[in-house]
């Protein structure tokens, strides 16, 4: 069975559709959006993005299936770093 298609709205206004389970960095690259990276192992936090209000580390996470089939991505902003 094929993975469900998920529509993503990126911070730069781009939209893309990928199968659930696609890694975030690949999905972003295909949409022409660059997610900052650091360690690529999940420990530094440079790649943190907010997906529908939930913070994830893009280098170790995949696009989840979602009920309505649409996700909104924003770059993570830490209020402590301002």
N, C-alpha and C. Protein backbone atom coordinates (compact mmCIF):
# COMPACT_ATOMS: atom_id res chain seq x y z
N UNK A 1 0.84 -1.18 0.00
CA UNK A 1 0.00 0.00 0.00
C UNK A 1 0.89 1.25 0.00
N UNK A 2 0.57 2.20 -0.86
CA UNK A 2 1.34 3.43 -0.97
C UNK A 2 1.09 4.35 0.22
N UNK A 3 2.11 5.10 0.59
CA UNK A 3 1.97 6.06 1.69
C UNK A 3 1.03 7.19 1.26
N UNK A 4 0.29 7.70 2.22
CA UNK A 4 -0.63 8.80 1.95
C UNK A 4 0.15 10.04 1.54
N UNK A 5 -0.39 10.79 0.59
CA UNK A 5 0.23 12.05 0.17
C UNK A 5 -0.06 13.13 1.20
N UNK A 6 0.96 13.93 1.49
CA UNK A 6 0.84 15.02 2.45
C UNK A 6 1.23 16.32 1.74
N UNK A 7 0.38 17.32 1.83
CA UNK A 7 0.66 18.64 1.26
C UNK A 7 1.35 19.48 2.33
N UNK A 8 2.46 20.13 1.95
CA UNK A 8 3.25 20.92 2.89
C UNK A 8 3.32 22.36 2.42
N UNK A 9 3.05 23.29 3.32
CA UNK A 9 3.25 24.73 3.05
C UNK A 9 4.52 25.13 3.77
N UNK A 10 5.50 25.64 3.00
CA UNK A 10 6.82 26.00 3.52
C UNK A 10 6.88 27.47 3.90
N UNK A 11 7.82 27.87 4.75
CA UNK A 11 7.93 29.27 5.18
C UNK A 11 8.15 30.27 4.05
N UNK A 12 8.71 29.81 2.93
CA UNK A 12 8.96 30.71 1.80
C UNK A 12 7.75 30.85 0.88
N UNK A 13 6.62 30.26 1.28
CA UNK A 13 5.39 30.33 0.49
C UNK A 13 5.23 29.19 -0.50
N UNK A 14 6.27 28.37 -0.67
CA UNK A 14 6.18 27.23 -1.58
C UNK A 14 5.25 26.18 -1.01
N UNK A 15 4.69 25.38 -1.89
CA UNK A 15 3.87 24.23 -1.49
C UNK A 15 4.42 23.01 -2.21
N UNK A 16 4.36 21.88 -1.54
CA UNK A 16 4.78 20.64 -2.18
C UNK A 16 3.93 19.50 -1.63
N UNK A 17 3.97 18.40 -2.33
CA UNK A 17 3.26 17.20 -1.88
C UNK A 17 4.25 16.04 -1.91
N UNK A 18 4.33 15.34 -0.80
CA UNK A 18 5.25 14.20 -0.67
C UNK A 18 4.52 13.05 0.01
N UNK A 19 5.01 11.84 -0.16
CA UNK A 19 4.43 10.71 0.58
C UNK A 19 4.79 10.81 2.07
N UNK A 20 3.86 10.46 2.93
CA UNK A 20 4.17 10.35 4.36
C UNK A 20 5.36 9.41 4.51
N UNK A 21 6.27 9.75 5.42
CA UNK A 21 7.46 8.94 5.63
C UNK A 21 8.70 9.48 4.92
N UNK A 22 8.52 10.50 4.06
CA UNK A 22 9.66 11.14 3.41
C UNK A 22 10.46 11.90 4.46
N UNK A 23 11.79 11.84 4.38
CA UNK A 23 12.55 12.59 5.39
C UNK A 23 12.41 14.08 5.10
N UNK A 24 12.39 14.88 6.17
CA UNK A 24 12.15 16.32 6.06
C UNK A 24 13.17 17.04 5.20
N UNK A 25 14.44 16.68 5.31
CA UNK A 25 15.46 17.38 4.54
C UNK A 25 15.27 17.16 3.04
N UNK A 26 14.90 15.96 2.64
CA UNK A 26 14.63 15.67 1.23
C UNK A 26 13.39 16.40 0.75
N UNK A 27 12.34 16.41 1.58
CA UNK A 27 11.10 17.09 1.21
C UNK A 27 11.35 18.58 1.02
N UNK A 28 12.13 19.17 1.91
CA UNK A 28 12.43 20.60 1.82
C UNK A 28 13.26 20.90 0.58
N UNK A 29 14.27 20.10 0.34
CA UNK A 29 15.14 20.30 -0.82
C UNK A 29 14.35 20.23 -2.12
N UNK A 30 13.45 19.25 -2.23
CA UNK A 30 12.63 19.11 -3.44
C UNK A 30 11.71 20.31 -3.65
N UNK A 31 11.35 20.99 -2.55
CA UNK A 31 10.48 22.17 -2.63
C UNK A 31 11.28 23.46 -2.81
N UNK A 32 12.61 23.35 -2.85
CA UNK A 32 13.45 24.53 -2.99
C UNK A 32 13.61 25.32 -1.71
N UNK A 33 13.41 24.65 -0.58
CA UNK A 33 13.55 25.31 0.72
C UNK A 33 14.71 24.67 1.47
N UNK A 34 15.60 25.49 2.00
CA UNK A 34 16.75 24.99 2.74
C UNK A 34 16.49 25.05 4.24
N UNK A 35 16.59 23.90 4.87
CA UNK A 35 16.52 23.83 6.33
C UNK A 35 17.95 23.86 6.85
N UNK A 36 18.28 24.78 7.75
CA UNK A 36 19.64 24.81 8.30
C UNK A 36 19.96 23.47 8.99
N UNK A 37 21.20 23.04 8.86
CA UNK A 37 21.61 21.79 9.51
C UNK A 37 22.93 22.01 10.25
N UNK A 38 23.22 21.09 11.12
CA UNK A 38 24.47 21.12 11.85
C UNK A 38 25.05 19.73 11.90
N UNK A 39 24.72 19.01 12.94
CA UNK A 39 25.32 17.70 13.19
C UNK A 39 24.74 16.58 12.32
N UNK A 40 23.53 16.75 11.82
CA UNK A 40 22.80 15.73 11.06
C UNK A 40 22.55 14.46 11.87
N UNK A 41 22.64 14.56 13.19
CA UNK A 41 22.38 13.43 14.06
C UNK A 41 21.33 13.71 15.11
N UNK A 42 20.75 14.89 15.11
CA UNK A 42 19.67 15.22 16.03
C UNK A 42 20.09 15.83 17.35
N UNK A 43 21.39 16.01 17.56
CA UNK A 43 21.79 16.51 18.88
C UNK A 43 21.98 18.02 18.96
N UNK A 44 22.26 18.71 17.84
CA UNK A 44 22.56 20.14 17.96
C UNK A 44 21.33 21.04 17.89
N UNK A 45 20.28 20.60 17.22
CA UNK A 45 19.05 21.39 17.14
C UNK A 45 19.03 22.43 16.04
N UNK A 46 20.07 22.53 15.22
CA UNK A 46 20.11 23.54 14.16
C UNK A 46 18.98 23.36 13.15
N UNK A 47 18.50 22.14 12.99
CA UNK A 47 17.49 21.85 11.97
C UNK A 47 16.06 21.86 12.51
N UNK A 48 15.84 22.39 13.70
CA UNK A 48 14.50 22.36 14.27
C UNK A 48 13.53 23.20 13.44
N UNK A 49 12.39 22.60 13.17
CA UNK A 49 11.30 23.27 12.47
C UNK A 49 10.02 23.03 13.27
N UNK A 50 9.08 23.94 13.09
CA UNK A 50 7.76 23.75 13.71
C UNK A 50 6.83 23.22 12.65
N UNK A 51 6.22 22.08 12.92
CA UNK A 51 5.28 21.46 12.00
C UNK A 51 3.91 21.46 12.68
N UNK A 52 3.02 22.29 12.16
CA UNK A 52 1.70 22.45 12.77
C UNK A 52 1.82 22.69 14.27
N UNK A 53 2.82 23.51 14.65
CA UNK A 53 2.99 23.90 16.04
C UNK A 53 3.82 22.96 16.89
N UNK A 54 4.26 21.84 16.34
CA UNK A 54 5.09 20.89 17.09
C UNK A 54 6.53 20.99 16.58
N UNK A 55 7.47 21.14 17.48
CA UNK A 55 8.88 21.24 17.09
C UNK A 55 9.46 19.86 16.82
N UNK A 56 10.10 19.72 15.66
CA UNK A 56 10.77 18.47 15.31
C UNK A 56 12.17 18.79 14.80
N UNK A 57 13.04 17.84 14.90
CA UNK A 57 14.39 17.97 14.35
C UNK A 57 14.37 17.31 12.98
N UNK A 58 14.47 18.13 11.96
CA UNK A 58 14.28 17.68 10.59
C UNK A 58 15.28 16.62 10.14
N UNK A 59 16.48 16.63 10.70
CA UNK A 59 17.50 15.69 10.24
C UNK A 59 17.23 14.25 10.68
N UNK A 60 16.37 14.07 11.67
CA UNK A 60 16.09 12.71 12.16
C UNK A 60 14.60 12.38 12.14
N UNK A 61 13.81 13.21 11.45
CA UNK A 61 12.35 13.01 11.44
C UNK A 61 11.84 12.86 10.02
N UNK A 62 10.67 12.29 9.91
CA UNK A 62 10.03 12.15 8.61
C UNK A 62 8.68 12.85 8.60
N UNK A 63 8.20 13.13 7.41
CA UNK A 63 6.89 13.77 7.24
C UNK A 63 5.83 12.79 7.73
N UNK A 64 5.02 13.20 8.71
CA UNK A 64 4.01 12.28 9.23
C UNK A 64 2.75 12.28 8.38
N UNK A 65 2.02 11.20 8.44
CA UNK A 65 0.68 11.19 7.87
C UNK A 65 -0.16 12.10 8.76
N UNK A 66 -1.13 12.76 8.19
CA UNK A 66 -1.98 13.61 9.01
C UNK A 66 -3.43 13.49 8.53
N UNK A 67 -4.31 13.74 9.44
CA UNK A 67 -5.73 13.53 9.19
C UNK A 67 -6.24 14.32 7.99
N UNK A 68 -5.90 15.61 7.93
CA UNK A 68 -6.42 16.44 6.83
C UNK A 68 -5.48 16.49 5.62
N UNK A 69 -4.33 15.82 5.72
CA UNK A 69 -3.41 15.75 4.60
C UNK A 69 -2.60 17.00 4.33
N UNK A 70 -2.62 17.98 5.28
CA UNK A 70 -1.88 19.22 5.08
C UNK A 70 -1.06 19.57 6.32
N UNK A 71 0.17 20.01 6.10
CA UNK A 71 1.05 20.44 7.17
C UNK A 71 1.60 21.83 6.85
N UNK A 72 1.82 22.62 7.89
CA UNK A 72 2.45 23.92 7.74
C UNK A 72 3.77 23.90 8.50
N UNK A 73 4.83 24.30 7.82
CA UNK A 73 6.17 24.31 8.40
C UNK A 73 6.60 25.76 8.63
N UNK A 74 7.15 26.02 9.79
CA UNK A 74 7.78 27.30 10.11
C UNK A 74 9.14 26.99 10.69
N UNK A 75 10.08 27.91 10.49
CA UNK A 75 11.37 27.73 11.14
C UNK A 75 11.19 27.90 12.64
N UNK A 76 11.82 27.07 13.42
CA UNK A 76 11.72 27.12 14.87
C UNK A 76 12.35 28.40 15.36
N UNK A 77 11.68 29.05 16.29
CA UNK A 77 12.28 30.24 16.90
C UNK A 77 12.26 30.06 18.42
N UNK A 78 13.42 30.10 19.01
CA UNK A 78 13.57 29.94 20.45
C UNK A 78 13.53 31.32 21.09
N UNK A 79 12.53 31.58 21.94
CA UNK A 79 12.42 32.91 22.55
C UNK A 79 13.66 33.28 23.38
N UNK A 80 14.40 32.30 23.86
CA UNK A 80 15.59 32.59 24.65
C UNK A 80 16.70 33.18 23.77
N UNK A 81 16.67 32.86 22.47
CA UNK A 81 17.70 33.34 21.56
C UNK A 81 17.25 34.60 20.83
N UNK A 82 15.96 34.90 20.93
CA UNK A 82 15.38 36.08 20.48
C UNK A 82 15.32 36.55 19.15
